[in-house]
Amino acid sequence: MIHPKYAPYLFSLFLSGMMSCLVSGIATYRALGFVPNFGAEWMGAWGSSWLVAFPAVLMVAPVARRMVAMVVRAPDAA
């Protein structure tokens, strides 16, 4: 198993991989339609987009966490 201190990096890796896969698939379909080599085109687009998405998530996630903290109300103390 992997040490818990690496959890934020793994989260970023998995999230960026899944999101870039989904978004590149939609963008590839919109650009080309369902062509015979759609899978290969999609995987090429996914690979290059994941290279950008992973470091972007690493940089943007802390900002997003701070923004969420600003708009979420703290639980009432009992």
Protein backbone atom coordinates (compact mmCIF):
# COMPACT_ATOMS: atom_id res chain seq x y z
CA MET A 1 0.00 0.00 0.00
CA ILE A 2 1.01 3.60 -0.54
CA HIS A 3 1.70 5.92 2.42
CA PRO A 4 -1.20 8.27 3.23
CA LYS A 5 0.98 11.37 2.78
CA TYR A 6 0.77 10.73 -0.98
CA ALA A 7 -3.06 10.73 -0.97
CA PRO A 8 -3.45 14.28 -2.37
CA TYR A 9 -1.16 13.43 -5.30
CA LEU A 10 -3.00 10.18 -6.03
CA PHE A 11 -6.32 11.97 -5.80
CA SER A 12 -5.07 14.55 -8.30
CA LEU A 13 -3.74 11.83 -10.60
CA PHE A 14 -7.00 9.86 -10.58
CA LEU A 15 -9.26 12.92 -10.84
CA SER A 16 -7.28 14.48 -13.67
CA GLY A 17 -7.14 11.16 -15.51
CA MET A 18 -10.87 10.55 -15.32
CA MET A 19 -11.89 14.12 -16.10
CA SER A 20 -9.46 14.53 -19.00
CA CYS A 21 -10.63 11.19 -20.41
CA LEU A 22 -14.26 12.27 -20.31
CA VAL A 23 -13.71 15.78 -21.64
CA SER A 24 -11.30 14.71 -24.40
CA GLY A 25 -13.76 12.02 -25.48
CA ILE A 26 -16.57 14.54 -25.81
CA ALA A 27 -14.35 17.07 -27.57
CA THR A 28 -12.99 14.43 -29.96
CA TYR A 29 -16.51 13.26 -30.78
CA ARG A 30 -17.70 16.83 -31.40
CA ALA A 31 -14.70 17.58 -33.61
CA LEU A 32 -14.62 14.37 -35.65
CA GLY A 33 -17.84 12.49 -35.09
CA PHE A 34 -17.73 8.73 -34.67
CA VAL A 35 -15.07 7.98 -37.30
CA PRO A 36 -13.48 4.54 -37.77
CA ASN A 37 -10.30 5.57 -35.90
CA PHE A 38 -12.21 7.39 -33.14
CA GLY A 39 -10.60 5.35 -30.34
CA ALA A 40 -7.07 6.12 -31.46
CA GLU A 41 -7.86 9.81 -31.91
CA TRP A 42 -9.48 9.96 -28.47
CA MET A 43 -6.55 8.24 -26.76
CA GLY A 44 -4.12 10.66 -28.42
CA ALA A 45 -6.17 13.62 -27.26
CA TRP A 46 -6.50 12.12 -23.77
CA GLY A 47 -2.77 11.57 -23.40
CA SER A 48 -1.87 15.12 -24.24
CA SER A 49 -4.70 16.59 -22.17
CA TRP A 50 -3.77 14.51 -19.12
CA LEU A 51 -0.24 15.91 -19.29
CA VAL A 52 -1.78 19.35 -18.76
CA ALA A 53 -4.62 18.31 -16.44
CA PHE A 54 -2.52 16.61 -13.75
CA PRO A 55 -0.29 19.57 -12.87
CA ALA A 56 -3.28 21.89 -13.28
CA VAL A 57 -5.24 19.94 -10.66
CA LEU A 58 -2.23 19.97 -8.34
CA MET A 59 -2.10 23.77 -8.58
CA VAL A 60 -5.84 24.52 -8.59
CA ALA A 61 -7.05 22.09 -5.90
CA PRO A 62 -5.78 24.18 -2.95
CA VAL A 63 -7.47 27.26 -4.36
CA ALA A 64 -10.72 25.34 -4.85
CA ARG A 65 -10.53 24.04 -1.25
CA ARG A 66 -10.13 27.60 0.06
CA MET A 67 -13.06 28.80 -2.04
CA VAL A 68 -15.26 26.00 -0.71
CA ALA A 69 -14.22 26.81 2.85
CA MET A 70 -15.31 30.43 2.30
CA VAL A 71 -18.84 29.47 1.25
CA VAL A 72 -19.51 26.50 3.56
CA ARG A 73 -20.90 27.29 6.98
CA ALA A 74 -19.11 25.71 9.94
CA PRO A 75 -21.25 23.26 11.93
CA ASP A 76 -22.96 24.75 14.97
CA ALA A 77 -21.17 24.07 18.22
CA ALA A 78 -23.25 22.04 20.65
